[in-house]
Amino acid sequence: MRRIKNLFKHELIRGSSMYLVASIINSSIPFLLLPILTRYLTPTEYGEVAMFLVWTSLIAALCGLSVHGAANRKYFDYKDEPKKLAEYIFMCFVILVVSSSLMLLVVLLLAPYLSLTLGISTYWLILGVPVAALGFIKTLRLGQWQVTKQPGKYGIFQISQSLVNLGLSLLFVVTLYMGATGRILGLVISAILFAIIALILLVRDGLIKVTWQPSMARDALHFGVPLIPHIIGIFLLNTVDRAVITATLGLDQAGIYMVAIQLSLAAAIILDAVNKTFVPWLFERLKRDSHQEKIVIVKVTYAYYGLLAVGVLFGFLWADNVLLLIVGPDYAPAAALIGWVILAKGFHGGYLMVTNYLFYAKRTGVLSTVTIVSGLLNVCLLFVFINYAGLIGVAWAYCISKFIQWILTWVVANRVVRMPWLTFLTTQK
């Protein structure tokens, strides 16, 4: 009993619990909106909202060039020099302003062509750029809470934005009957409001100091720019399958596949919560470069892999029944997919535990290469397996690609940061 109490007092367990609760609440809000929005928006209007979200997520990779991750990593270098950290974060803001301005110029020039291709209005295309830029500010604020182990503030901020987004969307769509415009306005206004709040909190906490340090900007760009192909690879891994299913098997099959993917999001929420807590715990110990602490890290990692294996086993044995209970007989074919999709999530959980070493070593270019290779492999396997096995072939392709991504990342991470993965048992006293 005492061991159990001590386990729940451990910083990894406490932090994961806070992130988990916040993630569950935050992720449940879109599901609460779904049955409402589908009754007030036509399929065309709902598609416009979806494409706006896809568009903003795509260009978010270019607005700020992913240097918010560099600010998170730099905390551990400047932990005892808050002035330098504040100067570094300010230079990240300079990069955000410059990159977003250039992105806006490109969108203005290409807006007519993009509008025809994506099926959304020029107005929303242009507005998507500042919305993505504002998201960078929020992500930067959340990242600094994460590395300083403040999951409570992290969760309150996330949940508050989602609740405001929910309230505004209900007001504009349900009360004022503004259709897709109302839903997008809810997203935009909540993004503006919480970006302002995030900026105020960064200033209040002394995390922004106006300066001009080109060397810091170069360091941040060296970290962030190589991540752009990584983000493209993520799209190839996690998004392209739905387009291939629709083109090859039909929209109804894509809907069945999406049901399995959405149910597996419960696993993704847990994996993300654990990783958010694991990162600062890991970075602190890597910074001390103690062999004994590296042994502890390896033990924790292997124990976590054991838990992932149990979760995957549950997915194959019982998740299909859970899915049928939730979605009913119309989506029964998704039951054959859910075990494979959860297996892919298990591989993703393994990947998250080793990719952090590349972030710590600031070798994000290597990470991008691995993700692009895995994403391209997924595309190739998709076209092979979908013709051979249909919908379940898509799940197989996803599993294989995620497994390859995990193993490749593990191999290159160990070359960058040597860990006693195979020798930890024999090196103990």
Protein backbone atom coordinates (compact mmCIF):
# COMPACT_ATOMS: atom_id res chain seq x y z
CA MET A 1 0.00 0.00 0.00
CA ARG A 2 2.82 2.40 0.86
CA ARG A 3 4.48 1.68 -2.49
CA ILE A 4 1.26 2.51 -4.28
CA LYS A 5 0.95 5.79 -2.37
CA ASN A 6 4.56 6.67 -3.19
CA LEU A 7 3.92 5.84 -6.84
CA PHE A 8 1.07 8.33 -7.04
CA LYS A 9 3.26 10.93 -5.34
CA HIS A 10 5.96 10.54 -8.02
CA GLU A 11 6.36 13.63 -10.20
CA LEU A 12 5.90 11.65 -13.42
CA ILE A 13 2.58 10.18 -12.23
CA ARG A 14 1.29 13.47 -10.79
CA GLY A 15 2.24 15.46 -13.87
CA SER A 16 0.81 12.88 -16.26
CA SER A 17 -2.47 12.90 -14.32
CA MET A 18 -2.79 16.67 -14.63
CA TYR A 19 -2.04 16.63 -18.35
CA LEU A 20 -4.36 13.68 -18.82
CA VAL A 21 -7.29 15.40 -17.14
CA ALA A 22 -6.68 18.59 -19.13
CA SER A 23 -6.35 16.67 -22.39
CA ILE A 24 -9.52 14.67 -21.78
CA ILE A 25 -11.56 17.79 -21.05
CA ASN A 26 -9.96 19.72 -23.89
CA SER A 27 -10.47 16.90 -26.41
CA SER A 28 -14.05 16.19 -25.34
CA ILE A 29 -15.28 19.69 -26.21
CA PRO A 30 -15.15 19.19 -30.03
CA PHE A 31 -17.13 15.96 -29.55
CA LEU A 32 -19.75 17.88 -27.54
CA LEU A 33 -20.01 20.37 -30.40
CA LEU A 34 -20.25 17.73 -33.13
CA PRO A 35 -23.93 16.68 -32.74
CA ILE A 36 -24.92 20.34 -32.47
CA LEU A 37 -22.94 21.67 -35.41
CA THR A 38 -24.08 18.88 -37.71
CA ARG A 39 -27.68 19.98 -37.09
CA TYR A 40 -27.08 23.67 -37.76
CA LEU A 41 -24.51 23.45 -40.56
CA THR A 42 -25.00 21.93 -44.00
CA PRO A 43 -22.38 19.40 -45.14
CA THR A 44 -20.90 22.10 -47.39
CA GLU A 45 -20.66 24.53 -44.47
CA TYR A 46 -19.17 21.87 -42.22
CA GLY A 47 -16.62 21.09 -44.93
CA GLU A 48 -15.67 24.77 -45.07
CA VAL A 49 -14.98 24.79 -41.34
CA ALA A 50 -12.95 21.59 -41.63
CA MET A 51 -10.85 22.99 -44.49
CA PHE A 52 -10.20 26.18 -42.52
CA LEU A 53 -8.82 24.05 -39.68
CA VAL A 54 -6.70 22.02 -42.10
CA TRP A 55 -5.41 25.21 -43.72
CA THR A 56 -4.41 26.84 -40.43
CA SER A 57 -2.67 23.68 -39.24
CA LEU A 58 -0.71 23.48 -42.50
CA ILE A 59 0.57 27.05 -42.48
CA ALA A 60 1.25 26.98 -38.74
CA ALA A 61 4.45 25.11 -39.62
CA LEU A 62 5.66 28.18 -41.52
CA CYS A 63 4.43 30.88 -39.16
CA GLY A 64 7.24 30.97 -36.62
CA LEU A 65 9.19 28.16 -38.30
CA SER A 66 8.66 25.91 -35.24
CA VAL A 67 11.14 27.91 -33.11
CA HIS A 68 8.83 27.68 -30.06
CA GLY A 69 10.39 24.23 -29.57
CA ALA A 70 13.81 25.89 -29.47
CA ALA A 71 12.60 28.15 -26.64
CA ASN A 72 11.47 25.09 -24.69
CA ARG A 73 14.81 23.39 -25.18
CA LYS A 74 16.75 26.57 -24.34
CA TYR A 75 15.13 26.77 -20.91
CA PHE A 76 17.44 24.00 -19.73
CA ASP A 77 20.52 25.91 -20.95
CA TYR A 78 19.39 29.24 -19.48
CA LYS A 79 17.64 27.87 -16.40
CA ASP A 80 19.86 29.95 -14.12
CA GLU A 81 20.00 32.92 -16.53
CA PRO A 82 16.39 34.14 -16.90
CA LYS A 83 17.48 37.32 -18.68
CA LYS A 84 19.07 35.34 -21.51
CA LEU A 85 16.00 33.11 -21.78
CA ALA A 86 13.77 36.21 -22.06
CA GLU A 87 16.04 37.60 -24.80
CA TYR A 88 15.94 34.28 -26.63
CA ILE A 89 12.13 34.18 -26.51
CA PHE A 90 11.96 37.76 -27.84
CA MET A 91 14.08 36.73 -30.83
CA CYS A 92 11.62 33.87 -31.40
CA PHE A 93 8.90 36.53 -31.62
CA VAL A 94 10.98 38.43 -34.18
CA ILE A 95 11.16 35.26 -36.28
CA LEU A 96 7.39 34.84 -35.89
CA VAL A 97 6.65 38.36 -37.17
CA VAL A 98 9.01 38.11 -40.15
CA SER A 99 7.97 34.60 -41.22
CA SER A 100 4.23 35.34 -40.80
CA SER A 101 4.54 38.54 -42.83
CA LEU A 102 6.25 36.68 -45.66
CA MET A 103 3.63 33.93 -45.46
CA LEU A 104 0.82 36.49 -45.65
CA LEU A 105 2.40 38.04 -48.74
CA VAL A 106 2.59 34.65 -50.46
CA VAL A 107 -1.04 33.86 -49.58
CA LEU A 108 -2.21 37.23 -50.92
CA LEU A 109 -0.49 36.49 -54.22
CA LEU A 110 -1.77 32.91 -54.51
CA ALA A 111 -5.16 33.30 -52.82
CA PRO A 112 -7.30 32.90 -55.99
CA TYR A 113 -5.58 29.64 -56.91
CA LEU A 114 -5.59 28.33 -53.33
CA SER A 115 -9.28 29.14 -52.98
CA LEU A 116 -10.15 27.05 -56.03
CA THR A 117 -7.97 24.17 -54.87
CA LEU A 118 -9.10 24.04 -51.24
CA GLY A 119 -12.69 25.12 -51.72
CA ILE A 120 -12.70 27.91 -49.12
CA SER A 121 -13.04 31.64 -49.59
CA THR A 122 -10.09 33.96 -50.11
CA TYR A 123 -11.09 35.82 -46.94
CA TRP A 124 -10.67 32.73 -44.77
CA LEU A 125 -7.40 31.85 -46.47
CA ILE A 126 -5.94 35.25 -45.62
CA LEU A 127 -7.36 35.25 -42.10
CA GLY A 128 -5.83 31.83 -41.50
CA VAL A 129 -2.32 33.32 -41.47
CA PRO A 130 -2.72 35.58 -38.40
CA VAL A 131 -4.75 32.85 -36.68
CA ALA A 132 -1.83 30.43 -37.15
CA ALA A 133 0.62 33.09 -35.93
CA LEU A 134 -1.48 33.68 -32.81
CA GLY A 135 -1.44 29.95 -32.16
CA PHE A 136 2.36 30.17 -32.00
CA ILE A 137 2.12 32.61 -29.07
CA LYS A 138 -0.20 30.28 -27.18
CA THR A 139 2.05 27.28 -27.87
CA LEU A 140 5.08 29.21 -26.63
CA ARG A 141 3.34 30.08 -23.36
CA LEU A 142 2.18 26.49 -22.88
CA GLY A 143 5.67 25.18 -23.62
CA GLN A 144 7.27 27.28 -20.90
CA TRP A 145 4.74 25.98 -18.38
CA GLN A 146 5.53 22.45 -19.49
CA VAL A 147 9.30 22.71 -19.06
CA THR A 148 8.90 24.41 -15.66
CA LYS A 149 6.55 21.61 -14.52
CA GLN A 150 3.36 23.60 -14.11
CA PRO A 151 0.72 21.25 -15.55
CA GLY A 152 -2.06 22.97 -13.56
CA LYS A 153 -1.60 26.31 -15.35
CA TYR A 154 -1.13 24.46 -18.64
CA GLY A 155 -4.43 22.63 -18.22
CA ILE A 156 -6.44 25.65 -17.00
CA PHE A 157 -5.30 27.72 -19.98
CA GLN A 158 -6.12 25.00 -22.53
CA ILE A 159 -9.50 24.20 -21.04
CA SER A 160 -10.44 27.88 -20.72
CA GLN A 161 -9.76 28.50 -24.41
CA SER A 162 -11.79 25.46 -25.42
CA LEU A 163 -14.73 26.56 -23.25
CA VAL A 164 -14.66 30.07 -24.72
CA ASN A 165 -14.46 28.55 -28.20
CA LEU A 166 -17.45 26.35 -27.34
CA GLY A 167 -19.49 29.25 -25.98
CA LEU A 168 -18.77 31.55 -28.93
CA SER A 169 -19.54 28.83 -31.45
CA LEU A 170 -22.88 28.09 -29.80
CA LEU A 171 -23.68 31.80 -29.71
CA PHE A 172 -22.84 32.46 -33.35
CA VAL A 173 -24.14 29.21 -34.85
CA VAL A 174 -27.11 28.26 -32.68
CA THR A 175 -28.37 31.63 -31.44
CA LEU A 176 -27.44 33.94 -34.30
CA TYR A 177 -27.70 31.35 -37.13
CA MET A 178 -24.44 32.49 -38.74
CA GLY A 179 -23.59 29.07 -40.18
CA ALA A 180 -19.98 28.24 -41.03
CA THR A 181 -19.03 31.89 -40.59
CA GLY A 182 -20.17 31.72 -36.97
CA ARG A 183 -18.13 28.59 -36.23
CA ILE A 184 -14.99 30.06 -37.82
CA LEU A 185 -15.53 33.33 -35.96
CA GLY A 186 -15.66 31.37 -32.71
CA LEU A 187 -12.28 29.84 -33.55
CA VAL A 188 -10.78 33.18 -34.61
CA ILE A 189 -12.01 35.26 -31.65
CA SER A 190 -10.93 32.66 -29.09
CA ALA A 191 -7.50 32.47 -30.79
CA ILE A 192 -7.09 36.26 -30.62
CA LEU A 193 -8.27 36.51 -27.02
CA PHE A 194 -6.02 33.76 -25.67
CA ALA A 195 -3.01 34.87 -27.68
CA ILE A 196 -3.33 38.25 -25.96
CA ILE A 197 -3.65 36.53 -22.58
CA ALA A 198 -0.62 34.34 -23.34
CA LEU A 199 1.44 37.39 -24.32
CA ILE A 200 0.46 39.24 -21.14
CA LEU A 201 1.42 36.21 -19.03
CA LEU A 202 4.79 35.88 -20.79
CA VAL A 203 5.55 39.55 -20.08
CA ARG A 204 4.32 39.28 -16.48
CA ASP A 205 6.57 36.30 -15.83
CA GLY A 206 9.60 38.13 -17.23
CA LEU A 207 9.93 35.80 -20.22
CA ILE A 208 10.20 38.55 -22.86
CA LYS A 209 13.01 41.09 -22.97
CA VAL A 210 13.38 43.39 -25.97
CA THR A 211 16.82 42.97 -27.46
CA TRP A 212 18.63 42.30 -30.73
CA GLN A 213 20.61 39.06 -30.67
CA PRO A 214 21.08 37.66 -34.22
CA SER A 215 23.07 34.72 -32.83
CA MET A 216 20.04 33.67 -30.77
CA ALA A 217 17.82 33.94 -33.84
CA ARG A 218 20.23 31.75 -35.81
CA ASP A 219 20.26 29.19 -32.99
CA ALA A 220 16.45 29.10 -32.90
CA LEU A 221 16.24 28.74 -36.68
CA HIS A 222 18.82 25.98 -36.59
CA PHE A 223 16.44 24.12 -34.27
CA GLY A 224 13.11 24.99 -35.88
CA VAL A 225 13.62 25.02 -39.66
CA PRO A 226 14.64 21.35 -39.93
CA LEU A 227 11.33 20.48 -38.24
CA ILE A 228 9.29 21.72 -41.23
CA PRO A 229 9.88 18.54 -43.28
CA HIS A 230 9.09 16.63 -40.09
CA ILE A 231 5.66 18.26 -39.97
CA ILE A 232 5.11 17.42 -43.65
CA GLY A 233 6.04 13.84 -42.85
CA ILE A 234 3.46 13.81 -40.06
CA PHE A 235 0.79 14.78 -42.58
CA LEU A 236 1.89 11.92 -44.84
CA LEU A 237 1.73 9.53 -41.90
CA ASN A 238 -1.51 10.64 -40.27
CA THR A 239 -3.68 12.34 -42.88
CA VAL A 240 -3.08 11.13 -46.42
CA ASP A 241 -4.73 7.75 -45.79
CA ARG A 242 -8.21 9.31 -45.66
CA ALA A 243 -7.75 10.87 -49.09
CA VAL A 244 -6.57 7.56 -50.55
CA ILE A 245 -9.51 5.68 -49.01
CA THR A 246 -12.01 8.17 -50.42
CA ALA A 247 -10.50 8.03 -53.90
CA THR A 248 -10.16 4.23 -53.96
CA LEU A 249 -12.93 2.76 -51.83
CA GLY A 250 -15.44 5.58 -51.42
CA LEU A 251 -16.45 8.15 -48.83
CA ASP A 252 -18.42 5.68 -46.73
CA GLN A 253 -15.30 3.56 -46.18
CA ALA A 254 -13.36 6.66 -45.18
CA GLY A 255 -16.06 7.33 -42.58
CA ILE A 256 -15.71 3.81 -41.17
CA TYR A 257 -11.95 4.22 -40.95
CA MET A 258 -12.36 7.57 -39.20
CA VAL A 259 -14.52 5.94 -36.52
CA ALA A 260 -11.65 3.60 -35.65
CA ILE A 261 -9.17 6.49 -35.67
CA GLN A 262 -11.39 8.63 -33.42
CA LEU A 263 -11.84 5.86 -30.86
CA SER A 264 -8.06 5.39 -30.74
CA LEU A 265 -7.71 9.08 -29.84
CA ALA A 266 -8.33 8.06 -26.24
CA ALA A 267 -4.97 6.28 -26.34
CA ALA A 268 -3.37 9.29 -28.04
CA ILE A 269 -4.54 11.57 -25.20
CA ILE A 270 -2.85 9.35 -22.62
CA LEU A 271 0.37 9.10 -24.64
CA ASP A 272 0.52 12.87 -25.06
CA ALA A 273 -0.07 13.47 -21.35
CA VAL A 274 2.73 11.08 -20.35
CA ASN A 275 5.13 12.61 -22.87
CA LYS A 276 4.44 16.17 -21.70
CA THR A 277 5.52 15.16 -18.21
CA PHE A 278 8.39 12.94 -19.33
CA VAL A 279 10.17 15.64 -21.37
CA PRO A 280 11.29 17.98 -18.53
CA TRP A 281 12.06 14.98 -16.29
CA LEU A 282 14.23 13.47 -19.04
CA PHE A 283 16.00 16.70 -20.05
CA GLU A 284 17.01 17.48 -16.47
CA ARG A 285 18.67 14.08 -16.09
CA LEU A 286 20.36 14.16 -19.47
CA LYS A 287 21.77 17.56 -18.57
CA ARG A 288 23.46 16.05 -15.49
CA ASP A 289 24.99 13.30 -17.69
CA SER A 290 25.05 10.71 -14.91
CA HIS A 291 25.36 7.07 -15.97
CA GLN A 292 23.29 5.91 -13.00
CA GLU A 293 20.50 8.31 -13.92
CA LYS A 294 20.62 7.07 -17.50
CA ILE A 295 20.03 3.56 -16.16
CA VAL A 296 16.95 4.87 -14.35
CA ILE A 297 15.73 6.50 -17.58
CA VAL A 298 16.12 3.23 -19.48
CA LYS A 299 14.24 1.30 -16.77
CA VAL A 300 11.38 3.80 -16.83
CA THR A 301 11.24 3.61 -20.63
CA TYR A 302 11.10 -0.21 -20.70
CA ALA A 303 8.47 -0.26 -17.96
CA TYR A 304 6.40 2.15 -20.02
CA TYR A 305 6.81 -0.07 -23.08
CA GLY A 306 5.43 -2.93 -21.01
CA LEU A 307 2.34 -0.87 -20.21
CA LEU A 308 1.96 -0.03 -23.90
CA ALA A 309 2.04 -3.75 -24.74
CA VAL A 310 -0.77 -4.38 -22.24
CA GLY A 311 -2.79 -1.55 -23.79
CA VAL A 312 -2.32 -2.96 -27.29
CA LEU A 313 -3.41 -6.41 -26.08
CA PHE A 314 -6.56 -4.82 -24.66
CA GLY A 315 -7.13 -3.20 -28.05
CA PHE A 316 -7.09 -6.51 -29.87
CA LEU A 317 -9.17 -8.38 -27.28
CA TRP A 318 -11.87 -5.94 -26.23
CA ALA A 319 -11.74 -2.61 -28.09
CA ASP A 320 -13.92 -3.92 -30.91
CA ASN A 321 -16.75 -4.56 -28.42
CA VAL A 322 -16.29 -1.09 -26.94
CA LEU A 323 -16.46 0.42 -30.43
CA LEU A 324 -19.67 -1.45 -31.31
CA LEU A 325 -21.21 -0.32 -28.02
CA ILE A 326 -20.43 3.31 -28.86
CA VAL A 327 -21.14 3.53 -32.59
CA GLY A 328 -23.69 0.76 -33.19
CA PRO A 329 -24.08 -1.79 -36.02
CA ASP A 330 -23.79 0.66 -38.94
CA TYR A 331 -20.08 1.00 -38.25
CA ALA A 332 -19.47 -2.67 -37.44
CA PRO A 333 -16.69 -3.01 -40.08
CA ALA A 334 -14.59 -0.58 -38.00
CA ALA A 335 -14.35 -3.26 -35.30
CA ALA A 336 -11.92 -5.20 -37.49
CA LEU A 337 -9.66 -2.15 -37.69
CA ILE A 338 -9.54 -0.89 -34.13
CA GLY A 339 -6.97 -3.39 -32.83
CA TRP A 340 -4.54 -2.50 -35.63
CA VAL A 341 -5.08 1.22 -35.15
CA ILE A 342 -4.39 0.91 -31.41
CA LEU A 343 -1.24 -1.10 -32.24
CA ALA A 344 -0.12 1.84 -34.39
CA LYS A 345 -0.76 4.16 -31.45
CA GLY A 346 1.35 1.86 -29.29
CA PHE A 347 4.22 2.21 -31.75
CA HIS A 348 3.68 5.96 -31.64
CA GLY A 349 3.98 5.86 -27.85
CA GLY A 350 7.29 4.08 -28.22
CA TYR A 351 8.42 6.68 -30.74
CA LEU A 352 7.58 9.55 -28.39
CA MET A 353 9.86 8.11 -25.70
CA VAL A 354 12.92 8.16 -27.99
CA THR A 355 12.31 11.20 -30.17
CA ASN A 356 12.91 13.45 -27.17
CA TYR A 357 16.64 12.68 -27.31
CA LEU A 358 16.84 14.31 -30.74
CA PHE A 359 15.07 17.40 -29.42
CA TYR A 360 17.45 17.52 -26.47
CA ALA A 361 20.48 17.27 -28.77
CA LYS A 362 18.90 19.77 -31.19
CA ARG A 363 19.21 17.27 -34.05
CA THR A 364 15.77 17.99 -35.47
CA GLY A 365 17.04 17.64 -39.04
CA VAL A 366 17.60 13.93 -38.44
CA LEU A 367 14.09 13.66 -37.00
CA SER A 368 12.65 15.28 -40.14
CA THR A 369 14.45 12.76 -42.34
CA VAL A 370 13.03 9.84 -40.35
CA THR A 371 9.50 11.25 -40.48
CA ILE A 372 9.63 11.96 -44.22
CA VAL A 373 10.94 8.46 -44.93
CA SER A 374 8.20 6.93 -42.76
CA GLY A 375 5.54 9.11 -44.38
CA LEU A 376 6.61 8.21 -47.91
CA LEU A 377 6.71 4.54 -46.92
CA ASN A 378 3.14 4.88 -45.63
CA VAL A 379 2.00 6.33 -48.97
CA CYS A 380 3.64 3.48 -50.90
CA LEU A 381 2.23 0.79 -48.61
CA LEU A 382 -1.21 2.38 -48.79
CA PHE A 383 -1.50 1.88 -52.52
CA VAL A 384 -0.20 -1.70 -52.25
CA PHE A 385 -2.30 -2.90 -49.31
CA ILE A 386 -5.53 -1.07 -50.11
CA ASN A 387 -5.77 -2.96 -53.42
CA TYR A 388 -4.84 -6.24 -51.74
CA ALA A 389 -6.87 -6.13 -48.51
CA GLY A 390 -9.17 -3.12 -48.70
CA LEU A 391 -9.76 -1.04 -45.59
CA ILE A 392 -7.82 -3.25 -43.21
CA GLY A 393 -4.84 -2.92 -45.57
CA VAL A 394 -4.81 0.79 -44.77
CA ALA A 395 -4.53 -0.03 -41.07
CA TRP A 396 -1.67 -2.44 -41.84
CA ALA A 397 0.18 0.25 -43.76
CA TYR A 398 -0.30 2.66 -40.86
CA CYS A 399 1.03 0.10 -38.35
CA ILE A 400 4.11 -0.77 -40.39
CA SER A 401 4.94 2.88 -41.03
CA LYS A 402 4.61 3.83 -37.36
CA PHE A 403 6.76 0.84 -36.34
CA ILE A 404 9.49 1.85 -38.81
CA GLN A 405 9.30 5.45 -37.56
CA TRP A 406 9.79 4.27 -33.96
CA ILE A 407 12.72 1.94 -34.69
CA LEU A 408 14.54 4.37 -37.00
CA THR A 409 14.15 7.17 -34.45
CA TRP A 410 15.43 4.91 -31.67
CA VAL A 411 18.51 3.98 -33.68
CA VAL A 412 19.47 7.54 -34.63
CA ALA A 413 18.62 8.86 -31.14
CA ASN A 414 21.06 6.41 -29.58
CA ARG A 415 23.79 7.63 -31.93
CA VAL A 416 23.17 11.19 -30.79
CA VAL A 417 22.70 10.51 -27.06
CA ARG A 418 24.28 7.25 -25.95
CA MET A 419 22.08 5.34 -23.54
CA PRO A 420 22.56 1.90 -21.92
CA TRP A 421 19.62 0.35 -23.77
CA LEU A 422 21.23 -3.11 -23.94
CA THR A 423 23.78 -2.94 -21.14
CA PHE A 424 21.80 -1.39 -18.27
CA LEU A 425 21.45 -4.73 -16.46
CA THR A 426 25.13 -5.62 -16.61
CA THR A 427 26.41 -2.16 -15.61
CA GLN A 428 24.64 -2.02 -12.27
CA LYS A 429 26.59 -2.60 -9.10
